[in-house]
């Protein structure tokens, strides 16, 4: 898949391969990464440092199993604000940032304002979350909840 971004087009095929390999295994040893892209370990390390410095690589994290951590139920919540003025939206965004229960929050175009993603143990835990967290966020007028019945695909891998 091609990306029209000028920045993306500035990457050579080795940089792109490095990014693909690191997306699959962020813990890969530098020597193994060098072998995978057919460069010296020193050259690969310098490229990874540059890709990080230039913001292509944002960081590294472990993917945790939500079922083992009492967070097996994924829920999406549409949020409609009472007003979409800058002050209300800024207050909402600031409050969302401080809530670790909210995994993702996106301002969207369409019939509602924000889409929130969260994970909880079960419906009872969600009922508590909606009452104590979501409805306490500034400016919330209306919500619509979508409990996920089956995760068909869940990835953060970007096509490079």
N, C-alpha and C. Protein backbone atom coordinates (compact mmCIF):
# COMPACT_ATOMS: atom_id res chain seq x y z
N UNK A 1 0.84 -1.18 0.00
CA UNK A 1 0.00 0.00 0.00
C UNK A 1 0.89 1.24 0.00
N UNK A 2 0.61 2.16 -0.87
CA UNK A 2 1.40 3.38 -0.98
C UNK A 2 0.83 4.46 -0.07
N UNK A 3 1.71 5.30 0.41
CA UNK A 3 1.31 6.43 1.23
C UNK A 3 1.76 7.68 0.51
N UNK A 4 0.87 8.66 0.34
CA UNK A 4 1.20 9.86 -0.40
C UNK A 4 1.97 10.90 0.40
N UNK A 5 2.23 10.68 1.66
CA UNK A 5 2.91 11.64 2.50
C UNK A 5 4.34 11.88 2.00
N UNK A 6 4.74 13.16 1.94
CA UNK A 6 6.09 13.49 1.51
C UNK A 6 7.11 12.89 2.47
N UNK A 7 6.82 12.91 3.78
CA UNK A 7 7.75 12.33 4.74
C UNK A 7 7.94 10.84 4.51
N UNK A 8 6.84 10.13 4.31
CA UNK A 8 6.92 8.69 4.07
C UNK A 8 7.74 8.41 2.82
N UNK A 9 7.57 9.22 1.80
CA UNK A 9 8.29 9.02 0.55
C UNK A 9 9.78 9.32 0.68
N UNK A 10 10.18 10.02 1.76
CA UNK A 10 11.60 10.29 2.00
C UNK A 10 12.33 9.07 2.55
N UNK A 11 11.59 8.05 3.00
CA UNK A 11 12.21 6.85 3.54
C UNK A 11 12.65 5.94 2.40
N UNK A 12 13.85 5.39 2.54
CA UNK A 12 14.28 4.43 1.52
C UNK A 12 13.76 3.04 1.88
N UNK A 13 14.02 2.07 1.01
CA UNK A 13 13.44 0.74 1.22
C UNK A 13 14.01 0.06 2.46
N UNK A 14 15.22 0.39 2.86
CA UNK A 14 15.80 -0.20 4.08
C UNK A 14 15.11 0.37 5.31
N UNK A 15 14.89 1.69 5.33
CA UNK A 15 14.16 2.30 6.46
C UNK A 15 12.78 1.66 6.59
N UNK A 16 12.11 1.48 5.47
CA UNK A 16 10.77 0.88 5.50
C UNK A 16 10.82 -0.55 6.01
N UNK A 17 11.83 -1.29 5.61
CA UNK A 17 11.95 -2.67 6.08
C UNK A 17 12.23 -2.69 7.59
N UNK A 18 13.08 -1.79 8.04
CA UNK A 18 13.36 -1.68 9.48
C UNK A 18 12.05 -1.43 10.24
N UNK A 19 11.23 -0.51 9.75
CA UNK A 19 9.96 -0.21 10.41
C UNK A 19 9.03 -1.41 10.40
N UNK A 20 8.98 -2.13 9.28
CA UNK A 20 8.12 -3.33 9.22
C UNK A 20 8.57 -4.38 10.23
N UNK A 21 9.87 -4.63 10.29
CA UNK A 21 10.39 -5.65 11.22
C UNK A 21 10.15 -5.23 12.67
N UNK A 22 10.40 -3.97 12.98
CA UNK A 22 10.19 -3.50 14.36
C UNK A 22 8.72 -3.52 14.76
N UNK A 23 7.82 -3.29 13.81
CA UNK A 23 6.39 -3.39 14.13
C UNK A 23 6.02 -4.81 14.53
N UNK A 24 6.63 -5.78 13.88
CA UNK A 24 6.34 -7.18 14.18
C UNK A 24 6.98 -7.62 15.49
N UNK A 25 8.17 -7.11 15.78
CA UNK A 25 8.90 -7.51 16.98
C UNK A 25 9.74 -6.34 17.48
N UNK A 26 9.17 -5.55 18.36
CA UNK A 26 9.86 -4.39 18.90
C UNK A 26 11.02 -4.74 19.81
N UNK A 27 11.12 -6.02 20.20
CA UNK A 27 12.21 -6.46 21.07
C UNK A 27 13.31 -7.17 20.30
N UNK A 28 13.26 -7.16 19.00
CA UNK A 28 14.27 -7.85 18.21
C UNK A 28 15.66 -7.28 18.53
N UNK A 29 16.63 -8.15 18.64
CA UNK A 29 17.99 -7.72 18.91
C UNK A 29 18.53 -6.97 17.69
N UNK A 30 19.37 -5.99 17.94
CA UNK A 30 19.93 -5.19 16.85
C UNK A 30 20.64 -6.07 15.83
N UNK A 31 21.35 -7.10 16.29
CA UNK A 31 22.06 -8.00 15.37
C UNK A 31 21.08 -8.71 14.45
N UNK A 32 19.97 -9.21 15.00
CA UNK A 32 18.94 -9.89 14.19
C UNK A 32 18.28 -8.90 13.22
N UNK A 33 18.04 -7.69 13.68
CA UNK A 33 17.47 -6.67 12.80
C UNK A 33 18.43 -6.36 11.66
N UNK A 34 19.71 -6.26 11.97
CA UNK A 34 20.72 -6.00 10.94
C UNK A 34 20.73 -7.12 9.90
N UNK A 35 20.63 -8.36 10.38
CA UNK A 35 20.59 -9.50 9.46
C UNK A 35 19.34 -9.44 8.58
N UNK A 36 18.22 -9.06 9.16
CA UNK A 36 16.96 -9.02 8.42
C UNK A 36 16.97 -7.98 7.30
N UNK A 37 17.70 -6.89 7.51
CA UNK A 37 17.71 -5.82 6.50
C UNK A 37 19.03 -5.76 5.73
N UNK A 38 19.92 -6.69 6.01
CA UNK A 38 21.20 -6.84 5.28
C UNK A 38 22.08 -5.61 5.40
N UNK A 39 22.24 -5.14 6.65
CA UNK A 39 23.16 -4.04 6.95
C UNK A 39 23.99 -4.43 8.17
N UNK A 40 25.03 -3.64 8.44
CA UNK A 40 25.82 -3.88 9.64
C UNK A 40 25.02 -3.45 10.87
N UNK A 41 25.31 -4.05 12.01
CA UNK A 41 24.60 -3.64 13.23
C UNK A 41 24.75 -2.15 13.55
N UNK A 42 25.93 -1.59 13.30
CA UNK A 42 26.16 -0.16 13.56
C UNK A 42 25.28 0.70 12.65
N UNK A 43 25.22 0.35 11.37
CA UNK A 43 24.40 1.12 10.43
C UNK A 43 22.92 1.04 10.80
N UNK A 44 22.46 -0.14 11.22
CA UNK A 44 21.05 -0.31 11.60
C UNK A 44 20.75 0.49 12.86
N UNK A 45 21.64 0.43 13.83
CA UNK A 45 21.43 1.19 15.06
C UNK A 45 21.32 2.68 14.77
N UNK A 46 22.16 3.20 13.90
CA UNK A 46 22.10 4.61 13.53
C UNK A 46 20.78 4.94 12.83
N UNK A 47 20.32 4.04 11.96
CA UNK A 47 19.04 4.27 11.27
C UNK A 47 17.88 4.26 12.27
N UNK A 48 17.88 3.32 13.21
CA UNK A 48 16.82 3.26 14.22
C UNK A 48 16.83 4.53 15.07
N UNK A 49 18.01 4.98 15.45
CA UNK A 49 18.11 6.23 16.22
C UNK A 49 17.54 7.40 15.42
N UNK A 50 17.85 7.48 14.12
CA UNK A 50 17.36 8.56 13.27
C UNK A 50 15.84 8.45 13.11
N UNK A 51 15.33 7.24 12.88
CA UNK A 51 13.88 7.05 12.72
C UNK A 51 13.14 7.45 14.00
N UNK A 52 13.75 7.20 15.15
CA UNK A 52 13.16 7.59 16.43
C UNK A 52 13.22 9.11 16.59
N UNK A 53 14.38 9.67 16.32
CA UNK A 53 14.57 11.12 16.45
C UNK A 53 13.62 11.89 15.53
N UNK A 54 13.37 11.36 14.32
CA UNK A 54 12.50 12.03 13.36
C UNK A 54 11.02 11.73 13.58
N UNK A 55 10.71 10.92 14.60
CA UNK A 55 9.32 10.70 14.98
C UNK A 55 8.61 9.57 14.25
N UNK A 56 9.31 8.78 13.46
CA UNK A 56 8.67 7.62 12.82
C UNK A 56 8.41 6.52 13.85
N UNK A 57 9.32 6.37 14.79
CA UNK A 57 9.16 5.40 15.88
C UNK A 57 8.81 6.21 17.13
N UNK A 58 7.63 5.94 17.68
CA UNK A 58 7.16 6.70 18.83
C UNK A 58 7.57 6.07 20.16
N UNK A 59 7.85 4.78 20.17
CA UNK A 59 8.21 4.10 21.41
C UNK A 59 7.98 2.61 21.27
N UNK A 60 8.13 1.91 22.37
CA UNK A 60 7.97 0.46 22.40
C UNK A 60 7.11 0.11 23.61
N UNK A 61 6.27 -0.90 23.46
CA UNK A 61 5.42 -1.30 24.57
C UNK A 61 5.08 -2.79 24.45
N UNK A 62 4.71 -3.37 25.55
CA UNK A 62 4.26 -4.76 25.56
C UNK A 62 2.77 -4.80 25.31
N UNK A 63 2.31 -5.75 24.52
CA UNK A 63 0.86 -5.97 24.34
C UNK A 63 0.42 -6.93 25.41
N UNK A 64 -0.51 -6.50 26.24
CA UNK A 64 -0.97 -7.30 27.37
C UNK A 64 -2.26 -8.02 27.01
N UNK A 65 -2.50 -9.14 27.68
CA UNK A 65 -3.69 -9.94 27.45
C UNK A 65 -4.82 -9.41 28.33
N UNK A 66 -5.83 -8.76 27.73
CA UNK A 66 -6.91 -8.17 28.54
C UNK A 66 -7.69 -9.20 29.34
N UNK A 67 -7.84 -10.43 28.84
CA UNK A 67 -8.59 -11.45 29.56
C UNK A 67 -7.90 -11.80 30.89
N UNK A 68 -6.60 -11.76 30.92
CA UNK A 68 -5.86 -12.10 32.14
C UNK A 68 -5.83 -10.95 33.14
N UNK A 69 -6.25 -9.75 32.69
CA UNK A 69 -6.15 -8.57 33.54
C UNK A 69 -7.52 -7.94 33.84
N UNK A 70 -8.55 -8.77 33.85
CA UNK A 70 -9.92 -8.32 34.15
C UNK A 70 -10.37 -7.15 33.27
N UNK A 71 -10.04 -7.25 31.99
CA UNK A 71 -10.45 -6.20 31.05
C UNK A 71 -10.89 -6.85 29.73
N UNK A 72 -11.63 -7.93 29.83
CA UNK A 72 -11.96 -8.71 28.63
C UNK A 72 -13.07 -8.09 27.79
N UNK A 73 -13.85 -7.18 28.35
CA UNK A 73 -14.96 -6.59 27.60
C UNK A 73 -14.55 -5.24 27.01
N UNK A 74 -14.52 -5.17 25.68
CA UNK A 74 -14.21 -3.91 25.00
C UNK A 74 -15.51 -3.18 24.71
N UNK A 75 -15.50 -1.87 24.94
CA UNK A 75 -16.69 -1.06 24.73
C UNK A 75 -16.30 0.22 23.98
N UNK A 76 -17.12 0.57 22.99
CA UNK A 76 -16.99 1.85 22.31
C UNK A 76 -18.16 2.72 22.73
N UNK A 77 -17.89 3.99 22.96
CA UNK A 77 -18.92 4.91 23.40
C UNK A 77 -18.91 6.14 22.51
N UNK A 78 -20.05 6.39 21.87
CA UNK A 78 -20.22 7.64 21.13
C UNK A 78 -20.60 8.71 22.14
N UNK A 79 -19.98 9.86 22.04
CA UNK A 79 -20.27 10.96 22.96
C UNK A 79 -20.70 12.18 22.16
N UNK A 80 -21.82 12.75 22.57
CA UNK A 80 -22.30 14.01 22.01
C UNK A 80 -22.16 15.05 23.12
N UNK A 81 -21.50 16.15 22.80
CA UNK A 81 -21.34 17.23 23.77
C UNK A 81 -22.54 18.16 23.71
N UNK A 82 -22.79 18.87 24.82
CA UNK A 82 -23.91 19.81 24.83
C UNK A 82 -23.63 21.01 23.93
N UNK A 83 -22.36 21.39 23.80
CA UNK A 83 -21.94 22.46 22.88
C UNK A 83 -20.57 22.09 22.33
N UNK A 84 -20.32 22.44 21.08
CA UNK A 84 -19.00 22.15 20.50
C UNK A 84 -18.19 23.45 20.36
N UNK A 85 -18.13 24.17 21.46
CA UNK A 85 -17.33 25.38 21.52
C UNK A 85 -15.92 25.01 21.98
N UNK A 86 -14.94 25.81 21.63
CA UNK A 86 -13.56 25.47 22.02
C UNK A 86 -13.38 25.23 23.52
N UNK A 87 -14.03 26.03 24.37
CA UNK A 87 -13.85 25.84 25.81
C UNK A 87 -14.41 24.50 26.29
N UNK A 88 -15.58 24.10 25.79
CA UNK A 88 -16.18 22.82 26.18
C UNK A 88 -15.32 21.66 25.65
N UNK A 89 -14.92 21.77 24.40
CA UNK A 89 -14.10 20.70 23.81
C UNK A 89 -12.75 20.57 24.52
N UNK A 90 -12.12 21.69 24.84
CA UNK A 90 -10.84 21.65 25.55
C UNK A 90 -10.98 21.06 26.95
N UNK A 91 -12.05 21.41 27.64
CA UNK A 91 -12.29 20.85 28.98
C UNK A 91 -12.52 19.33 28.88
N UNK A 92 -13.28 18.90 27.88
CA UNK A 92 -13.54 17.48 27.68
C UNK A 92 -12.23 16.75 27.40
N UNK A 93 -11.44 17.27 26.47
CA UNK A 93 -10.17 16.62 26.11
C UNK A 93 -9.22 16.53 27.30
N UNK A 94 -9.14 17.58 28.08
CA UNK A 94 -8.26 17.57 29.26
C UNK A 94 -8.72 16.52 30.27
N UNK A 95 -10.02 16.41 30.47
CA UNK A 95 -10.55 15.43 31.42
C UNK A 95 -10.29 14.01 30.93
N UNK A 96 -10.46 13.78 29.63
CA UNK A 96 -10.21 12.45 29.06
C UNK A 96 -8.75 12.04 29.27
N UNK A 97 -7.83 12.99 29.10
CA UNK A 97 -6.41 12.70 29.26
C UNK A 97 -6.08 12.18 30.66
N UNK A 98 -6.83 12.60 31.63
CA UNK A 98 -6.53 12.22 33.02
C UNK A 98 -7.19 10.90 33.44
N UNK A 99 -7.94 10.26 32.55
CA UNK A 99 -8.67 9.05 32.90
C UNK A 99 -8.00 7.81 32.28
N UNK A 100 -7.29 7.03 33.08
CA UNK A 100 -6.62 5.84 32.54
C UNK A 100 -7.58 4.78 32.02
N UNK A 101 -8.84 4.82 32.47
CA UNK A 101 -9.83 3.84 32.00
C UNK A 101 -10.16 4.04 30.52
N UNK A 102 -9.95 5.26 30.03
CA UNK A 102 -10.23 5.57 28.63
C UNK A 102 -8.96 5.27 27.83
N UNK A 103 -9.03 4.24 27.00
CA UNK A 103 -7.86 3.82 26.23
C UNK A 103 -7.63 4.68 25.01
N UNK A 104 -8.70 5.06 24.35
CA UNK A 104 -8.61 5.90 23.16
C UNK A 104 -9.79 6.85 23.16
N UNK A 105 -9.57 8.02 22.57
CA UNK A 105 -10.65 8.99 22.39
C UNK A 105 -10.35 9.76 21.12
N UNK A 106 -11.32 9.80 20.22
CA UNK A 106 -11.12 10.42 18.91
C UNK A 106 -12.24 11.41 18.63
N UNK A 107 -11.88 12.62 18.20
CA UNK A 107 -12.84 13.59 17.69
C UNK A 107 -13.19 13.14 16.29
N UNK A 108 -14.47 12.98 16.00
CA UNK A 108 -14.89 12.44 14.71
C UNK A 108 -15.86 13.39 14.01
N UNK A 109 -15.93 13.23 12.69
CA UNK A 109 -16.92 13.94 11.89
C UNK A 109 -18.14 13.03 11.79
N UNK A 110 -19.31 13.60 11.84
CA UNK A 110 -20.51 12.77 11.70
C UNK A 110 -21.56 13.13 12.72
N UNK A 111 -22.34 12.14 13.12
CA UNK A 111 -23.50 12.35 13.96
C UNK A 111 -23.21 12.49 15.44
N UNK A 112 -21.97 12.38 15.85
CA UNK A 112 -21.60 12.57 17.26
C UNK A 112 -20.22 13.22 17.28
N UNK A 113 -19.74 13.55 18.48
CA UNK A 113 -18.51 14.34 18.57
C UNK A 113 -17.25 13.51 18.82
N UNK A 114 -17.31 12.60 19.78
CA UNK A 114 -16.13 11.82 20.17
C UNK A 114 -16.48 10.34 20.20
N UNK A 115 -15.48 9.52 19.88
CA UNK A 115 -15.61 8.07 20.03
C UNK A 115 -14.57 7.63 21.05
N UNK A 116 -15.05 7.00 22.10
CA UNK A 116 -14.19 6.53 23.19
C UNK A 116 -14.09 5.01 23.13
N UNK A 117 -12.89 4.50 23.38
CA UNK A 117 -12.68 3.06 23.51
C UNK A 117 -12.20 2.79 24.93
N UNK A 118 -12.81 1.78 25.55
CA UNK A 118 -12.42 1.39 26.91
C UNK A 118 -12.51 -0.12 27.03
N UNK A 119 -11.93 -0.65 28.09
CA UNK A 119 -12.02 -2.08 28.40
C UNK A 119 -12.36 -2.22 29.87
N UNK A 120 -13.26 -3.14 30.15
CA UNK A 120 -13.69 -3.40 31.52
C UNK A 120 -13.85 -4.91 31.71
N UNK A 121 -14.07 -5.31 32.94
CA UNK A 121 -14.21 -6.74 33.24
C UNK A 121 -15.53 -7.31 32.70
N UNK A 122 -16.62 -6.56 32.87
CA UNK A 122 -17.93 -7.07 32.49
C UNK A 122 -18.92 -5.91 32.43
N UNK A 123 -20.19 -6.22 32.17
CA UNK A 123 -21.20 -5.18 32.02
C UNK A 123 -21.41 -4.40 33.32
N UNK A 124 -21.33 -5.07 34.46
CA UNK A 124 -21.45 -4.35 35.74
C UNK A 124 -20.33 -3.31 35.88
N UNK A 125 -19.13 -3.68 35.53
CA UNK A 125 -18.00 -2.74 35.59
C UNK A 125 -18.22 -1.59 34.61
N UNK A 126 -18.81 -1.90 33.46
CA UNK A 126 -19.10 -0.83 32.50
C UNK A 126 -20.16 0.12 33.04
N UNK A 127 -21.19 -0.43 33.67
CA UNK A 127 -22.22 0.43 34.25
C UNK A 127 -21.61 1.40 35.27
N UNK A 128 -20.66 0.90 36.05
CA UNK A 128 -19.98 1.76 37.02
C UNK A 128 -19.13 2.82 36.30
N UNK A 129 -18.44 2.41 35.24
CA UNK A 129 -17.60 3.34 34.49
C UNK A 129 -18.43 4.43 33.83
N UNK A 130 -19.52 4.07 33.21
CA UNK A 130 -20.34 5.07 32.52
C UNK A 130 -20.89 6.09 33.50
N UNK A 131 -21.28 5.61 34.68
CA UNK A 131 -21.83 6.52 35.69
C UNK A 131 -20.79 7.38 36.38
N UNK A 132 -19.66 6.80 36.71
CA UNK A 132 -18.68 7.55 37.50
C UNK A 132 -17.63 8.27 36.66
N UNK A 133 -17.41 7.83 35.43
CA UNK A 133 -16.36 8.44 34.61
C UNK A 133 -16.93 9.16 33.39
N UNK A 134 -17.59 8.42 32.51
CA UNK A 134 -18.02 8.99 31.23
C UNK A 134 -18.99 10.15 31.44
N UNK A 135 -20.01 9.93 32.26
CA UNK A 135 -21.00 10.98 32.47
C UNK A 135 -20.46 12.14 33.31
N UNK A 136 -19.33 11.95 33.96
CA UNK A 136 -18.75 13.05 34.73
C UNK A 136 -17.82 13.91 33.88
N UNK A 137 -17.55 13.51 32.64
CA UNK A 137 -16.70 14.32 31.77
C UNK A 137 -17.42 15.62 31.41
N UNK A 138 -16.70 16.72 31.31
CA UNK A 138 -17.33 18.02 31.04
C UNK A 138 -18.06 18.05 29.70
N UNK A 139 -19.27 18.57 29.71
CA UNK A 139 -19.99 18.83 28.48
C UNK A 139 -20.74 17.66 27.88
N UNK A 140 -20.71 16.49 28.51
CA UNK A 140 -21.38 15.32 27.92
C UNK A 140 -22.89 15.49 27.99
N UNK A 141 -23.54 15.43 26.83
CA UNK A 141 -25.00 15.53 26.77
C UNK A 141 -25.64 14.17 26.53
N UNK A 142 -24.96 13.33 25.73
CA UNK A 142 -25.58 12.07 25.31
C UNK A 142 -24.48 11.06 24.99
N UNK A 143 -24.77 9.79 25.26
CA UNK A 143 -23.84 8.72 24.89
C UNK A 143 -24.61 7.57 24.26
N UNK A 144 -23.91 6.82 23.44
CA UNK A 144 -24.42 5.57 22.87
C UNK A 144 -23.31 4.55 23.03
N UNK A 145 -23.64 3.42 23.59
CA UNK A 145 -22.66 2.40 23.92
C UNK A 145 -22.75 1.22 22.96
N UNK A 146 -21.57 0.71 22.58
CA UNK A 146 -21.47 -0.48 21.73
C UNK A 146 -20.51 -1.45 22.41
N UNK A 147 -21.07 -2.51 22.98
CA UNK A 147 -20.25 -3.55 23.60
C UNK A 147 -19.80 -4.51 22.50
N UNK A 148 -18.52 -4.80 22.47
CA UNK A 148 -17.96 -5.67 21.44
C UNK A 148 -18.26 -7.12 21.80
N UNK A 149 -18.88 -7.83 20.87
CA UNK A 149 -19.20 -9.25 21.08
C UNK A 149 -18.04 -10.15 20.64
N UNK A 150 -17.30 -9.72 19.61
CA UNK A 150 -16.17 -10.50 19.11
C UNK A 150 -15.16 -9.56 18.47
N UNK A 151 -13.90 -9.70 18.84
CA UNK A 151 -12.85 -8.94 18.18
C UNK A 151 -12.42 -9.70 16.93
N UNK A 152 -12.78 -9.19 15.79
CA UNK A 152 -12.46 -9.85 14.53
C UNK A 152 -11.02 -9.57 14.13
N UNK A 153 -10.57 -8.33 14.34
CA UNK A 153 -9.19 -7.95 14.05
C UNK A 153 -8.79 -6.86 15.02
N UNK A 154 -7.62 -6.97 15.60
CA UNK A 154 -7.11 -5.98 16.53
C UNK A 154 -5.61 -5.87 16.31
N UNK A 155 -5.19 -4.81 15.65
CA UNK A 155 -3.78 -4.62 15.38
C UNK A 155 -3.42 -3.15 15.40
N UNK A 156 -2.18 -2.85 15.67
CA UNK A 156 -1.66 -1.50 15.56
C UNK A 156 -0.65 -1.41 14.43
N UNK A 157 -0.48 -2.49 13.67
CA UNK A 157 0.51 -2.53 12.60
C UNK A 157 0.06 -1.67 11.43
N UNK A 158 0.90 -0.75 11.02
CA UNK A 158 0.61 0.10 9.87
C UNK A 158 1.14 -0.55 8.60
N UNK A 159 0.41 -0.43 7.50
CA UNK A 159 0.94 -0.99 6.24
C UNK A 159 2.07 -0.10 5.72
N UNK A 160 3.25 -0.69 5.61
CA UNK A 160 4.43 0.07 5.17
C UNK A 160 4.95 -0.56 3.90
